[in-house]
């Protein structure tokens, strides 16, 4: 694996573990329903945010960098509900697929351009990025949302202590 791809793989694994750790021990109802305040309906639930993290990772690494089609309904990610075991299994599949793609990348592959048309229904803008840019964006985007999960978990923990 080229060093750049190895670095991406390392950070995707680390961030995925951090995301799942932020969900560890949450009761199923809170995983799917809890928000810092009930009236803040525009804040994602734990499960929805974690689903968006893996959905975006699949899109940027598997699809944009790897050239494999992925089924993605981005707006549905923010309404997703489920259990932690299913979510953890999806993360493992995604990391396995990502590792396979990253292991096969060459320096030349990193300069290939990924083009996407705008799709307002999915909340997507038009882009033309190199594979390297797509991979860096994957880490950037996932890291921001893992931070959101961690802060949300801190708020959940504080509410339980009050």
C-alpha atoms as a PDB file:
ATOM      1  CA  UNK A   1       0.000   0.000   0.000  1.00  0.00           C
ATOM      2  CA  UNK A   2       1.420   3.394  -0.918  1.00  0.00           C
ATOM      3  CA  UNK A   3       2.140   5.621   2.121  1.00  0.00           C
ATOM      4  CA  UNK A   4      -0.686   8.080   1.389  1.00  0.00           C
ATOM      5  CA  UNK A   5      -3.245   5.261   1.176  1.00  0.00           C
ATOM      6  CA  UNK A   6      -1.840   3.687   4.356  1.00  0.00           C
ATOM      7  CA  UNK A   7      -2.320   6.979   6.184  1.00  0.00           C
ATOM      8  CA  UNK A   8      -5.916   7.261   4.968  1.00  0.00           C
ATOM      9  CA  UNK A   9      -6.604   3.667   6.053  1.00  0.00           C
ATOM     10  CA  UNK A  10      -5.113   4.300   9.502  1.00  0.00           C
ATOM     11  CA  UNK A  11      -7.246   7.378  10.078  1.00  0.00           C
ATOM     12  CA  UNK A  12     -10.453   5.792   8.759  1.00  0.00           C
ATOM     13  CA  UNK A  13      -9.997   2.879  11.163  1.00  0.00           C
ATOM     14  CA  UNK A  14      -9.252   5.211  14.089  1.00  0.00           C
ATOM     15  CA  UNK A  15     -12.213   7.474  13.359  1.00  0.00           C
ATOM     16  CA  UNK A  16     -14.581   4.540  12.912  1.00  0.00           C
ATOM     17  CA  UNK A  17     -13.565   3.135  16.289  1.00  0.00           C
ATOM     18  CA  UNK A  18     -14.114   6.530  17.880  1.00  0.00           C
ATOM     19  CA  UNK A  19     -17.572   6.805  16.306  1.00  0.00           C
ATOM     20  CA  UNK A  20     -18.632   3.399  17.578  1.00  0.00           C
ATOM     21  CA  UNK A  21     -17.133   4.081  21.028  1.00  0.00           C
ATOM     22  CA  UNK A  22     -19.324   7.186  21.270  1.00  0.00           C
ATOM     23  CA  UNK A  23     -22.361   4.926  20.841  1.00  0.00           C
ATOM     24  CA  UNK A  24     -21.252   2.172  23.206  1.00  0.00           C
ATOM     25  CA  UNK A  25     -23.667   1.552  26.054  1.00  0.00           C
ATOM     26  CA  UNK A  26     -26.458   3.770  24.781  1.00  0.00           C
ATOM     27  CA  UNK A  27     -29.911   2.304  25.339  1.00  0.00           C
ATOM     28  CA  UNK A  28     -31.621   1.502  22.002  1.00  0.00           C
ATOM     29  CA  UNK A  29     -34.251   4.207  22.487  1.00  0.00           C
ATOM     30  CA  UNK A  30     -31.594   6.852  23.089  1.00  0.00           C
ATOM     31  CA  UNK A  31     -29.509   5.614  20.171  1.00  0.00           C
ATOM     32  CA  UNK A  32     -32.474   6.288  17.880  1.00  0.00           C
ATOM     33  CA  UNK A  33     -34.335   9.119  19.607  1.00  0.00           C
ATOM     34  CA  UNK A  34     -32.202  11.214  21.955  1.00  0.00           C
ATOM     35  CA  UNK A  35     -31.416  14.844  21.261  1.00  0.00           C
ATOM     36  CA  UNK A  36     -30.022  17.424  23.705  1.00  0.00           C
ATOM     37  CA  UNK A  37     -33.495  18.983  23.795  1.00  0.00           C
ATOM     38  CA  UNK A  38     -36.702  17.496  22.368  1.00  0.00           C
ATOM     39  CA  UNK A  39     -37.493  20.712  20.481  1.00  0.00           C
ATOM     40  CA  UNK A  40     -34.178  20.540  18.552  1.00  0.00           C
ATOM     41  CA  UNK A  41     -35.494  18.317  15.797  1.00  0.00           C
ATOM     42  CA  UNK A  42     -32.870  19.529  13.323  1.00  0.00           C
ATOM     43  CA  UNK A  43     -30.130  17.859  15.410  1.00  0.00           C
ATOM     44  CA  UNK A  44     -29.434  14.312  14.310  1.00  0.00           C
ATOM     45  CA  UNK A  45     -29.876  11.330  16.560  1.00  0.00           C
ATOM     46  CA  UNK A  46     -26.815   9.246  17.425  1.00  0.00           C
ATOM     47  CA  UNK A  47     -27.850   6.532  14.977  1.00  0.00           C
ATOM     48  CA  UNK A  48     -28.586   8.932  12.127  1.00  0.00           C
ATOM     49  CA  UNK A  49     -25.261  10.702  12.527  1.00  0.00           C
ATOM     50  CA  UNK A  50     -23.347   7.415  12.673  1.00  0.00           C
ATOM     51  CA  UNK A  51     -25.219   6.220   9.586  1.00  0.00           C
ATOM     52  CA  UNK A  52     -24.281   9.402   7.738  1.00  0.00           C
ATOM     53  CA  UNK A  53     -20.639   8.871   8.699  1.00  0.00           C
ATOM     54  CA  UNK A  54     -20.496   5.403   7.176  1.00  0.00           C
ATOM     55  CA  UNK A  55     -22.644   6.431   4.206  1.00  0.00           C
ATOM     56  CA  UNK A  56     -20.304   9.271   3.357  1.00  0.00           C
ATOM     57  CA  UNK A  57     -17.288   7.013   3.859  1.00  0.00           C
ATOM     58  CA  UNK A  58     -18.725   4.464   1.459  1.00  0.00           C
ATOM     59  CA  UNK A  59     -19.426   7.204  -1.058  1.00  0.00           C
ATOM     60  CA  UNK A  60     -16.023   8.915  -0.958  1.00  0.00           C
ATOM     61  CA  UNK A  61     -13.782   5.870  -0.616  1.00  0.00           C
ATOM     62  CA  UNK A  62     -15.640   2.999  -2.260  1.00  0.00           C
ATOM     63  CA  UNK A  63     -17.401   4.990  -4.989  1.00  0.00           C
ATOM     64  CA  UNK A  64     -15.373   8.135  -5.666  1.00  0.00           C
ATOM     65  CA  UNK A  65     -11.900   6.687  -5.085  1.00  0.00           C
ATOM     66  CA  UNK A  66     -12.602   3.039  -5.863  1.00  0.00           C
ATOM     67  CA  UNK A  67     -14.975   3.433  -8.770  1.00  0.00           C
ATOM     68  CA  UNK A  68     -17.492   0.958  -7.360  1.00  0.00           C
ATOM     69  CA  UNK A  69     -21.185   1.823  -7.406  1.00  0.00           C
ATOM     70  CA  UNK A  70     -22.832   2.331  -4.027  1.00  0.00           C
ATOM     71  CA  UNK A  71     -26.500   2.614  -3.182  1.00  0.00           C
ATOM     72  CA  UNK A  72     -26.876   5.832  -1.236  1.00  0.00           C
ATOM     73  CA  UNK A  73     -29.892   7.838  -0.176  1.00  0.00           C
ATOM     74  CA  UNK A  74     -28.183  10.683   1.647  1.00  0.00           C
ATOM     75  CA  UNK A  75     -31.370  12.322   3.027  1.00  0.00           C
ATOM     76  CA  UNK A  76     -32.478   8.947   4.457  1.00  0.00           C
ATOM     77  CA  UNK A  77     -29.233   8.710   6.427  1.00  0.00           C
ATOM     78  CA  UNK A  78     -30.500  11.513   8.652  1.00  0.00           C
ATOM     79  CA  UNK A  79     -33.722   9.590   9.412  1.00  0.00           C
ATOM     80  CA  UNK A  80     -32.060   6.196   9.893  1.00  0.00           C
ATOM     81  CA  UNK A  81     -32.943   3.993  12.847  1.00  0.00           C
ATOM     82  CA  UNK A  82     -31.556   0.674  13.939  1.00  0.00           C
ATOM     83  CA  UNK A  83     -29.337  -1.192  16.346  1.00  0.00           C
ATOM     84  CA  UNK A  84     -25.671  -0.884  17.175  1.00  0.00           C
ATOM     85  CA  UNK A  85     -24.745  -4.414  16.046  1.00  0.00           C
ATOM     86  CA  UNK A  86     -26.082  -3.804  12.536  1.00  0.00           C
ATOM     87  CA  UNK A  87     -24.325  -0.463  12.360  1.00  0.00           C
ATOM     88  CA  UNK A  88     -21.015  -1.938  13.586  1.00  0.00           C
ATOM     89  CA  UNK A  89     -21.246  -4.678  10.939  1.00  0.00           C
ATOM     90  CA  UNK A  90     -21.764  -2.042   8.251  1.00  0.00           C
ATOM     91  CA  UNK A  91     -18.682  -0.167   9.482  1.00  0.00           C
ATOM     92  CA  UNK A  92     -16.631  -3.387   9.298  1.00  0.00           C
ATOM     93  CA  UNK A  93     -17.801  -4.084   5.729  1.00  0.00           C
ATOM     94  CA  UNK A  94     -17.000  -0.538   4.706  1.00  0.00           C
ATOM     95  CA  UNK A  95     -13.529  -0.625   6.283  1.00  0.00           C
ATOM     96  CA  UNK A  96     -12.803  -3.956   4.613  1.00  0.00           C
ATOM     97  CA  UNK A  97     -13.901  -2.615   1.218  1.00  0.00           C
ATOM     98  CA  UNK A  98     -11.921   0.583   1.815  1.00  0.00           C
ATOM     99  CA  UNK A  99      -8.783  -1.317   2.752  1.00  0.00           C
ATOM    100  CA  UNK A 100      -9.055  -3.364  -0.442  1.00  0.00           C
ATOM    101  CA  UNK A 101      -9.443  -0.230  -2.568  1.00  0.00           C
ATOM    102  CA  UNK A 102      -6.664   1.641  -0.802  1.00  0.00           C
ATOM    103  CA  UNK A 103      -4.291  -1.315  -1.142  1.00  0.00           C
ATOM    104  CA  UNK A 104      -4.740  -1.262  -4.911  1.00  0.00           C
ATOM    105  CA  UNK A 105      -4.185   2.459  -5.463  1.00  0.00           C
ATOM    106  CA  UNK A 106      -1.094   3.736  -7.236  1.00  0.00           C
ATOM    107  CA  UNK A 107       0.362   7.235  -7.229  1.00  0.00           C
ATOM    108  CA  UNK A 108      -1.124   7.686 -10.699  1.00  0.00           C
ATOM    109  CA  UNK A 109      -4.580   6.639  -9.442  1.00  0.00           C
ATOM    110  CA  UNK A 110      -4.474   9.486  -6.932  1.00  0.00           C
ATOM    111  CA  UNK A 111      -4.466  12.012  -9.786  1.00  0.00           C
ATOM    112  CA  UNK A 112      -7.527  10.532 -11.535  1.00  0.00           C
ATOM    113  CA  UNK A 113     -10.465  12.961 -11.474  1.00  0.00           C
ATOM    114  CA  UNK A 114     -13.825  12.056  -9.982  1.00  0.00           C
ATOM    115  CA  UNK A 115     -16.632  14.176 -11.406  1.00  0.00           C
ATOM    116  CA  UNK A 116     -20.112  14.467  -9.949  1.00  0.00           C
ATOM    117  CA  UNK A 117     -23.059  16.486 -11.192  1.00  0.00           C
ATOM    118  CA  UNK A 118     -25.124  18.486  -8.747  1.00  0.00           C
ATOM    119  CA  UNK A 119     -28.084  16.650  -7.242  1.00  0.00           C
ATOM    120  CA  UNK A 120     -30.083  19.068  -5.068  1.00  0.00           C
ATOM    121  CA  UNK A 121     -32.490  16.310  -3.981  1.00  0.00           C
ATOM    122  CA  UNK A 122     -29.547  14.516  -2.371  1.00  0.00           C
ATOM    123  CA  UNK A 123     -27.967  17.745  -1.107  1.00  0.00           C
ATOM    124  CA  UNK A 124     -24.983  17.334  -3.456  1.00  0.00           C
ATOM    125  CA  UNK A 125     -23.059  19.990  -5.363  1.00  0.00           C
ATOM    126  CA  UNK A 126     -21.127  19.570  -8.586  1.00  0.00           C
ATOM    127  CA  UNK A 127     -17.476  18.635  -8.061  1.00  0.00           C
ATOM    128  CA  UNK A 128     -14.361  17.649  -9.979  1.00  0.00           C
ATOM    129  CA  UNK A 129     -11.821  16.304  -7.488  1.00  0.00           C
ATOM    130  CA  UNK A 130      -8.841  14.033  -7.756  1.00  0.00           C
ATOM    131  CA  UNK A 131      -9.003  10.692  -5.981  1.00  0.00           C
ATOM    132  CA  UNK A 132      -6.488  12.091  -3.469  1.00  0.00           C
ATOM    133  CA  UNK A 133      -8.841  15.008  -2.747  1.00  0.00           C
ATOM    134  CA  UNK A 134     -11.788  12.621  -2.359  1.00  0.00           C
ATOM    135  CA  UNK A 135      -9.845  10.563   0.190  1.00  0.00           C
ATOM    136  CA  UNK A 136      -8.716  13.591   2.166  1.00  0.00           C
ATOM    137  CA  UNK A 137     -12.293  14.862   2.148  1.00  0.00           C
ATOM    138  CA  UNK A 138     -13.509  11.506   3.449  1.00  0.00           C
ATOM    139  CA  UNK A 139     -11.203  11.819   6.467  1.00  0.00           C
ATOM    140  CA  UNK A 140     -12.078  15.499   6.951  1.00  0.00           C
ATOM    141  CA  UNK A 141     -15.840  14.920   6.767  1.00  0.00           C
ATOM    142  CA  UNK A 142     -15.839  11.836   8.959  1.00  0.00           C
ATOM    143  CA  UNK A 143     -13.613  13.507  11.570  1.00  0.00           C
ATOM    144  CA  UNK A 144     -15.976  16.468  11.877  1.00  0.00           C
ATOM    145  CA  UNK A 145     -18.971  14.195  12.413  1.00  0.00           C
ATOM    146  CA  UNK A 146     -17.128  11.957  14.875  1.00  0.00           C
ATOM    147  CA  UNK A 147     -16.512  15.135  16.857  1.00  0.00           C
ATOM    148  CA  UNK A 148     -20.249  15.852  16.738  1.00  0.00           C
ATOM    149  CA  UNK A 149     -20.973  12.351  18.041  1.00  0.00           C
ATOM    150  CA  UNK A 150     -18.469  12.773  20.857  1.00  0.00           C
ATOM    151  CA  UNK A 151     -19.954  16.104  21.932  1.00  0.00           C
ATOM    152  CA  UNK A 152     -23.458  14.675  21.745  1.00  0.00           C
ATOM    153  CA  UNK A 153     -22.347  11.770  23.938  1.00  0.00           C
ATOM    154  CA  UNK A 154     -20.874  14.207  26.459  1.00  0.00           C
ATOM    155  CA  UNK A 155     -24.214  16.009  26.590  1.00  0.00           C
ATOM    156  CA  UNK A 156     -26.044  12.692  26.996  1.00  0.00           C
ATOM    157  CA  UNK A 157     -23.662  11.684  29.818  1.00  0.00           C
ATOM    158  CA  UNK A 158     -24.115  15.061  31.558  1.00  0.00           C
ATOM    159  CA  UNK A 159     -27.899  14.723  31.379  1.00  0.00           C
ATOM    160  CA  UNK A 160     -27.701  11.303  33.019  1.00  0.00           C
ATOM    161  CA  UNK A 161     -25.548  12.675  35.862  1.00  0.00           C
ATOM    162  CA  UNK A 162     -27.876  15.637  36.530  1.00  0.00           C
END
